[in-house]
Protein backbone atom coordinates (compact mmCIF):
# COMPACT_ATOMS: atom_id res chain seq x y z
CA MET A 1 6.37 -6.39 14.71
CA PRO A 2 9.75 -7.66 14.78
CA ASP A 3 8.69 -10.36 12.19
CA LEU A 4 8.17 -8.14 9.18
CA PRO A 5 10.25 -8.40 6.07
CA LYS A 6 12.68 -5.98 4.35
CA ILE A 7 10.31 -4.41 1.87
CA ALA A 8 9.55 -1.23 0.71
CA PHE A 9 6.38 0.44 -1.10
CA LEU A 10 7.04 3.04 -3.70
CA ASP A 11 6.12 5.74 -5.83
CA PHE A 12 6.79 8.53 -8.43
CA GLU A 13 4.90 11.14 -9.95
CA ALA A 14 5.86 12.55 -13.23
CA SER A 15 6.06 15.75 -15.19
CA SER A 16 3.98 13.58 -18.01
CA LEU A 17 3.79 10.15 -19.30
CA GLY A 18 5.59 11.36 -22.58
CA LYS A 19 8.70 9.80 -23.85
CA HIS A 20 10.60 12.46 -22.34
CA GLY A 21 8.68 12.82 -19.41
CA TYR A 22 10.58 12.45 -16.09
CA PRO A 23 10.49 12.36 -11.87
CA ILE A 24 8.85 15.14 -9.95
CA GLU A 25 8.37 13.39 -7.01
CA VAL A 26 9.43 10.03 -5.15
CA ALA A 27 8.49 8.61 -2.02
CA TRP A 28 8.62 5.17 -0.07
CA VAL A 29 6.91 3.60 2.87
CA LEU A 30 8.65 0.62 4.55
CA SER A 31 6.65 -2.80 5.99
CA ASN A 32 7.26 -1.02 9.19
CA GLY A 33 5.46 2.44 8.17
CA GLU A 34 8.83 4.13 8.23
CA GLU A 35 8.60 6.68 5.41
CA GLU A 36 10.32 9.48 3.33
CA SER A 37 9.05 11.51 0.81
CA HIS A 38 10.96 14.15 -1.87
CA LEU A 39 10.49 16.38 -4.41
CA ILE A 40 12.82 16.45 -6.83
CA ARG A 41 13.95 19.62 -8.34
CA PRO A 42 14.19 19.06 -12.69
CA ASP A 43 17.93 18.48 -13.85
CA PRO A 44 18.51 21.51 -16.49
CA THR A 45 18.32 18.63 -19.39
CA TRP A 46 14.90 17.69 -18.17
CA THR A 47 12.06 20.25 -20.02
CA ASP A 48 9.01 18.22 -20.79
CA TRP A 49 5.93 19.49 -18.74
CA ASP A 50 2.49 18.54 -19.32
CA LEU A 51 -0.10 21.13 -17.42
CA LYS A 52 -2.66 18.21 -17.83
CA ALA A 53 -0.71 15.86 -15.62
CA GLU A 54 0.29 19.37 -13.13
CA THR A 55 -3.57 19.38 -13.01
CA ILE A 56 -3.56 15.82 -11.42
CA HIS A 57 -0.56 16.02 -9.20
CA GLY A 58 -0.72 19.50 -8.19
CA ILE A 59 2.99 20.13 -8.30
CA SER A 60 3.99 23.24 -10.27
CA ARG A 61 7.38 23.73 -11.57
CA ASP A 62 8.27 26.79 -9.96
CA ARG A 63 7.25 24.74 -6.67
CA LEU A 64 10.13 22.18 -7.59
CA GLN A 65 12.47 25.05 -8.45
CA ALA A 66 11.94 26.55 -4.96
CA GLU A 67 11.28 23.53 -3.05
CA GLY A 68 12.96 20.31 -4.62
CA ALA A 69 16.11 18.59 -3.99
CA PRO A 70 18.92 18.16 -6.24
CA VAL A 71 18.78 14.74 -8.38
CA ALA A 72 21.80 13.59 -7.09
CA ASP A 73 21.03 14.31 -3.81
CA VAL A 74 17.51 12.03 -4.29
CA ALA A 75 19.33 9.46 -5.79
CA GLN A 76 21.99 8.97 -3.44
CA ARG A 77 19.44 8.83 -0.55
CA MET A 78 17.34 6.58 -2.14
CA THR A 79 20.37 4.14 -2.82
CA SER A 80 21.54 5.00 0.56
CA ALA A 81 17.85 4.49 2.70
CA LEU A 82 16.50 1.29 0.08
CA ALA A 83 19.62 -0.82 0.09
CA GLY A 84 18.84 -4.34 0.87
CA TYR A 85 15.17 -3.81 0.80
CA ASP A 86 12.95 -5.20 -2.07
CA LEU A 87 11.05 -2.57 -3.65
CA TYR A 88 7.43 -3.02 -5.02
CA ALA A 89 4.97 -0.40 -7.15
CA THR A 90 1.60 -0.84 -8.82
CA ALA A 91 3.01 0.54 -11.94
CA PRO A 92 6.56 -1.14 -12.24
CA SER A 93 6.88 -0.50 -15.94
CA TRP A 94 5.82 3.19 -15.56
CA ASP A 95 7.60 4.07 -11.82
CA GLY A 96 10.70 1.67 -13.42
CA LYS A 97 11.15 4.15 -15.97
CA TRP A 98 10.86 7.35 -13.83
CA LEU A 99 13.50 5.46 -11.07
CA SER A 100 15.95 4.40 -14.16
CA ARG A 101 16.12 8.27 -15.07
CA LEU A 102 16.47 9.26 -11.75
CA LEU A 103 19.68 6.93 -11.10
CA ARG A 104 21.21 7.60 -14.82
CA THR A 105 20.87 11.19 -14.47
CA ALA A 106 22.71 11.31 -11.13
CA GLY A 107 25.11 9.40 -12.66
CA LEU A 108 24.29 5.71 -10.86
CA PRO A 109 24.03 2.57 -12.36
CA ARG A 110 20.11 2.28 -13.60
CA HIS A 111 19.94 -1.14 -12.05
CA ALA A 112 21.08 0.06 -8.80
CA LEU A 113 17.46 -0.02 -7.44
CA ARG A 114 15.15 -2.77 -8.94
CA LEU A 115 11.22 -2.51 -8.71
CA ALA A 116 8.83 -5.55 -8.76
CA ASP A 117 4.91 -5.73 -9.05
CA THR A 118 2.92 -5.31 -6.01
CA GLU A 119 1.05 -8.13 -6.79
CA ALA A 120 4.04 -10.18 -6.61
CA VAL A 121 4.47 -9.47 -2.71
CA HIS A 122 0.90 -9.98 -2.38
CA ARG A 123 0.94 -13.65 -3.73
CA GLN A 124 4.37 -14.38 -1.92
CA THR A 125 2.91 -12.89 1.71
CA MET A 126 0.03 -15.24 1.60
CA HIS A 127 1.85 -18.31 -0.03
CA GLU A 128 4.25 -17.89 2.85
CA ILE A 129 1.78 -17.70 5.69
CA PHE A 130 -0.35 -20.49 4.18
CA LEU A 131 2.94 -22.67 4.12
CA GLY A 132 3.84 -21.17 7.68
CA MET A 133 0.61 -22.00 8.72
CA GLY A 134 0.05 -25.67 7.18
CA VAL A 135 -2.77 -24.76 5.21
CA PRO A 136 -3.06 -27.57 2.61
CA ALA A 137 -1.38 -26.45 -1.00
CA GLU A 138 -4.33 -27.17 -3.11
CA LEU A 139 -6.14 -25.14 -1.17
CA HIS A 140 -3.82 -21.73 -1.61
CA ASP A 141 -5.11 -20.46 -5.04
CA SER A 142 -8.91 -20.13 -3.79
CA LEU A 143 -7.67 -18.76 -0.32
CA MET A 144 -5.70 -16.12 -1.84
CA LYS A 145 -8.60 -15.24 -4.18
CA LYS A 146 -10.79 -14.87 -1.59
CA VAL A 147 -8.13 -12.66 0.44
CA LEU A 148 -7.35 -10.36 -2.19
CA SER A 149 -10.94 -9.85 -3.20
CA GLN A 150 -11.98 -8.64 0.02
CA ALA A 151 -8.93 -6.69 0.84
CA GLN A 152 -9.30 -4.92 -3.03
CA ARG A 153 -13.08 -4.29 -2.00
CA LYS A 154 -11.74 -2.56 1.25
CA ASP A 155 -9.21 -0.66 -0.70
CA ASP A 156 -11.75 0.44 -3.25
CA GLU A 157 -13.49 2.24 -0.53
CA LEU A 158 -10.76 4.55 -0.05
CA GLY A 159 -11.58 5.91 -3.39
CA PRO A 160 -9.19 7.27 -6.23
CA ALA A 161 -5.88 7.19 -5.72
CA GLU A 162 -4.53 10.78 -4.65
CA HIS A 163 -1.83 11.04 -7.09
CA ARG A 164 0.77 12.07 -4.40
CA ALA A 165 3.62 10.03 -4.17
CA LEU A 166 3.55 9.73 -0.15
CA ALA A 167 -0.18 9.20 0.02
CA ASP A 168 -0.20 6.65 -2.79
CA ALA A 169 2.72 4.61 -1.25
CA ARG A 170 1.08 4.90 2.17
CA ARG A 171 -2.16 3.01 0.46
CA GLU A 172 0.18 0.28 -1.26
CA GLN A 173 1.87 -0.74 2.51
CA ARG A 174 -1.38 -0.43 4.40
CA LEU A 175 -3.09 -2.76 1.62
CA TRP A 176 -0.16 -5.05 2.00
CA LEU A 177 -0.66 -5.16 5.79
CA ASP A 178 -4.47 -5.68 5.10
CA ILE A 179 -3.61 -8.61 2.85
CA ARG A 180 -1.29 -10.09 5.60
CA ARG A 181 -3.67 -10.03 8.30
CA ARG A 182 -6.70 -11.44 6.51
CA ALA A 183 -4.41 -14.40 5.27
CA ARG A 184 -3.69 -15.05 8.64
CA GLU A 185 -7.13 -14.97 10.02
CA ILE A 186 -8.48 -16.95 7.16
CA ALA A 187 -5.52 -19.62 7.28
CA GLY A 188 -6.61 -20.27 11.27
CA ALA A 189 -10.17 -20.16 10.43
CA ASP A 190 -9.41 -22.94 7.85
CA GLN A 191 -7.27 -24.94 10.37
CA THR A 192 -10.03 -24.76 13.01
CA THR A 193 -12.77 -26.07 10.55
CA SER A 194 -10.39 -29.00 8.77
CA ARG A 195 -9.11 -29.77 12.66
CA PRO A 196 -10.82 -33.26 13.22
CA SER A 197 -13.01 -33.56 16.71
CA HIS A 198 -11.42 -35.64 19.29
CA GLY A 199 -14.84 -35.66 21.22
CA VAL A 200 -16.44 -39.20 22.38
CA ASP A 201 -19.58 -39.84 20.48
CA LEU A 202 -21.88 -41.14 23.38
CA PHE A 203 -24.53 -42.51 20.93
């Protein structure tokens, strides 16, 4: 897929949703399917832990201490691997908080990487496809709603999110690919139905 844009879908798992929560796992999936996942060993200053959150993501503090990578290593890898990519998350306010804390703790500028909402790239992708395929502008909104409804219904069939960073990031990348495919199909169908006939009327 040589025409895929440089975008990445990113997801964090966190110790808690409290004021002092911190990231414990991060993963990202590029538009072409390349992916990475990292457990994060908590910085010594990170002490908040919610047992209810642990029952959801299933990651223990002991596992993070044993298998997690140092905060600075994860942050450096992210800034290196994701440089030049537009990053998207389904909950950018939360994921942005975890990203900011990771970067600041590693001594990096908190805006070294920026997150946007996945809904934005969904709409941008459809808009670019419709423009490129000559769909009249007045039809864009209604077609976008149709595509999003179909794709979301298909995604809902997968059930609840797994609450593991890589699984959730993969799901977002696949949803985007499905929206992209559906937008192209519906744009092509619209062109076919709206194309005037050039046949000869024999009667």
